[in-house]
C-alpha cells in the first residue's frame, strides 16, 4: 500500500515530509513602500497554519496506487503526457 494507513485520505507515504510550523507573515503594503496598489492596504499579518511538504514529487504511480487503495478519490488525467514515474498533475 502506498497510502499512509494512519494519515488522512490522500496521505502518501514514501515521499518523506518536511514539517513547517505555524507562522505569521507580513502581507500587504508595508510602511515606506513607494509602489502600492489600493488592494494592498492596510499592511496586516497573515497566519499560516502548520503543514507538511513532501520532499519529492508525487508520481502518477504513487497517486494511482493511492486511488486503488481507496485513500485518494480523484483519478487524475495525465493531459496526454504519460503516467508512471511522471509527477502527478491536477490534484491538490
C-alpha atoms as a PDB file:
ATOM      1  CA  UNK A   1       0.000   0.000   0.000  1.00  0.00           C
ATOM      2  CA  UNK A   2       1.268   3.437  -0.841  1.00  0.00           C
ATOM      3  CA  UNK A   3      -1.413   5.279   1.093  1.00  0.00           C
ATOM      4  CA  UNK A   4      -0.451   6.114   4.639  1.00  0.00           C
ATOM      5  CA  UNK A   5      -2.760   3.970   6.798  1.00  0.00           C
ATOM      6  CA  UNK A   6      -2.587   6.333   9.775  1.00  0.00           C
ATOM      7  CA  UNK A   7      -2.848   9.555   7.811  1.00  0.00           C
ATOM      8  CA  UNK A   8      -5.769  11.449   6.329  1.00  0.00           C
ATOM      9  CA  UNK A   9      -7.246  10.421   2.969  1.00  0.00           C
ATOM     10  CA  UNK A  10      -4.697  11.131   0.281  1.00  0.00           C
ATOM     11  CA  UNK A  11      -1.696  10.950   2.618  1.00  0.00           C
ATOM     12  CA  UNK A  12       1.065   9.241   0.657  1.00  0.00           C
ATOM     13  CA  UNK A  13       3.991   7.516   2.283  1.00  0.00           C
ATOM     14  CA  UNK A  14       7.437   7.012   0.847  1.00  0.00           C
ATOM     15  CA  UNK A  15       7.990  10.573  -0.296  1.00  0.00           C
ATOM     16  CA  UNK A  16       9.165  11.884   3.100  1.00  0.00           C
ATOM     17  CA  UNK A  17       7.906  15.127   4.579  1.00  0.00           C
ATOM     18  CA  UNK A  18       9.375  18.342   5.927  1.00  0.00           C
ATOM     19  CA  UNK A  19       7.291  19.851   8.737  1.00  0.00           C
ATOM     20  CA  UNK A  20       6.622  23.587   8.641  1.00  0.00           C
ATOM     21  CA  UNK A  21       5.386  25.144  11.894  1.00  0.00           C
ATOM     22  CA  UNK A  22       2.546  27.639  12.120  1.00  0.00           C
ATOM     23  CA  UNK A  23       3.765  31.166  11.449  1.00  0.00           C
ATOM     24  CA  UNK A  24       2.581  34.691  10.913  1.00  0.00           C
ATOM     25  CA  UNK A  25       3.907  36.697   7.996  1.00  0.00           C
ATOM     26  CA  UNK A  26       3.530  40.330   6.969  1.00  0.00           C
ATOM     27  CA  UNK A  27       1.291  40.945   3.971  1.00  0.00           C
ATOM     28  CA  UNK A  28       0.149  43.969   2.054  1.00  0.00           C
ATOM     29  CA  UNK A  29       1.898  47.255   1.537  1.00  0.00           C
ATOM     30  CA  UNK A  30       4.449  47.789   4.281  1.00  0.00           C
ATOM     31  CA  UNK A  31       5.203  51.257   5.650  1.00  0.00           C
ATOM     32  CA  UNK A  32       7.731  53.054   3.450  1.00  0.00           C
ATOM     33  CA  UNK A  33       6.964  51.103   0.262  1.00  0.00           C
ATOM     34  CA  UNK A  34       6.534  53.520  -2.632  1.00  0.00           C
ATOM     35  CA  UNK A  35       4.617  51.383  -5.122  1.00  0.00           C
ATOM     36  CA  UNK A  36       1.419  50.058  -3.566  1.00  0.00           C
ATOM     37  CA  UNK A  37      -1.931  49.254  -5.095  1.00  0.00           C
ATOM     38  CA  UNK A  38      -5.066  50.141  -3.155  1.00  0.00           C
ATOM     39  CA  UNK A  39      -5.913  46.478  -2.525  1.00  0.00           C
ATOM     40  CA  UNK A  40      -2.545  46.002  -0.754  1.00  0.00           C
ATOM     41  CA  UNK A  41      -3.502  48.352   2.080  1.00  0.00           C
ATOM     42  CA  UNK A  42      -3.500  48.300   5.008  1.00  0.00           C
ATOM     43  CA  UNK A  43      -0.497  46.196   5.936  1.00  0.00           C
ATOM     44  CA  UNK A  44      -1.547  43.219   8.026  1.00  0.00           C
ATOM     45  CA  UNK A  45      -0.302  39.866   9.296  1.00  0.00           C
ATOM     46  CA  UNK A  46      -1.397  36.592   7.738  1.00  0.00           C
ATOM     47  CA  UNK A  47      -1.496  33.411   9.807  1.00  0.00           C
ATOM     48  CA  UNK A  48      -0.327  30.254   8.009  1.00  0.00           C
ATOM     49  CA  UNK A  49      -1.295  27.013   9.806  1.00  0.00           C
ATOM     50  CA  UNK A  50       1.289  24.262  10.277  1.00  0.00           C
ATOM     51  CA  UNK A  51       1.696  21.952   7.288  1.00  0.00           C
ATOM     52  CA  UNK A  52       3.968  19.288   5.856  1.00  0.00           C
ATOM     53  CA  UNK A  53       5.519  19.491   2.420  1.00  0.00           C
ATOM     54  CA  UNK A  54       6.635  16.394   0.531  1.00  0.00           C
ATOM     55  CA  UNK A  55      10.369  16.114  -0.083  1.00  0.00           C
ATOM     56  CA  UNK A  56       9.800  14.694  -3.547  1.00  0.00           C
ATOM     57  CA  UNK A  57       7.034  14.990  -6.092  1.00  0.00           C
ATOM     58  CA  UNK A  58       4.160  12.503  -6.037  1.00  0.00           C
ATOM     59  CA  UNK A  59       4.205  10.430  -9.213  1.00  0.00           C
ATOM     60  CA  UNK A  60       1.251   9.073 -11.163  1.00  0.00           C
ATOM     61  CA  UNK A  61       2.289   5.591  -9.961  1.00  0.00           C
ATOM     62  CA  UNK A  62       2.058   6.799  -6.313  1.00  0.00           C
ATOM     63  CA  UNK A  63      -1.251   8.554  -6.907  1.00  0.00           C
ATOM     64  CA  UNK A  64      -2.819   5.692  -8.891  1.00  0.00           C
ATOM     65  CA  UNK A  65      -1.869   3.241  -6.114  1.00  0.00           C
ATOM     66  CA  UNK A  66      -3.456   5.560  -3.554  1.00  0.00           C
ATOM     67  CA  UNK A  67      -6.661   5.712  -5.635  1.00  0.00           C
ATOM     68  CA  UNK A  68      -6.662   1.905  -5.952  1.00  0.00           C
ATOM     69  CA  UNK A  69      -6.221   1.585  -2.161  1.00  0.00           C
ATOM     70  CA  UNK A  70      -9.130   3.967  -1.542  1.00  0.00           C
ATOM     71  CA  UNK A  71      -7.081   6.678   0.174  1.00  0.00           C
ATOM     72  CA  UNK A  72      -7.296   9.131  -2.738  1.00  0.00           C
ATOM     73  CA  UNK A  73     -10.552   9.787  -4.541  1.00  0.00           C
ATOM     74  CA  UNK A  74      -9.704  11.751  -7.693  1.00  0.00           C
ATOM     75  CA  UNK A  75      -8.338   9.791 -10.664  1.00  0.00           C
ATOM     76  CA  UNK A  76      -6.207  12.443 -12.327  1.00  0.00           C
ATOM     77  CA  UNK A  77      -5.795  12.667 -16.086  1.00  0.00           C
ATOM     78  CA  UNK A  78      -2.280  12.960 -17.465  1.00  0.00           C
ATOM     79  CA  UNK A  79      -3.034  15.586 -20.143  1.00  0.00           C
ATOM     80  CA  UNK A  80      -1.599  13.155 -22.714  1.00  0.00           C
ATOM     81  CA  UNK A  81       1.916  13.336 -21.230  1.00  0.00           C
ATOM     82  CA  UNK A  82       2.022   9.789 -19.826  1.00  0.00           C
ATOM     83  CA  UNK A  83       1.827   8.384 -16.299  1.00  0.00           C
ATOM     84  CA  UNK A  84       4.125   6.015 -14.344  1.00  0.00           C
ATOM     85  CA  UNK A  85       7.047   7.987 -12.831  1.00  0.00           C
ATOM     86  CA  UNK A  86       5.960  11.399 -14.105  1.00  0.00           C
ATOM     87  CA  UNK A  87       4.784  13.889 -11.452  1.00  0.00           C
ATOM     88  CA  UNK A  88       1.012  13.771 -10.978  1.00  0.00           C
ATOM     89  CA  UNK A  89      -0.941  16.825 -12.171  1.00  0.00           C
ATOM     90  CA  UNK A  90      -4.380  18.275 -11.430  1.00  0.00           C
ATOM     91  CA  UNK A  91      -4.552  17.168  -7.785  1.00  0.00           C
ATOM     92  CA  UNK A  92      -4.283  19.040  -4.512  1.00  0.00           C
END
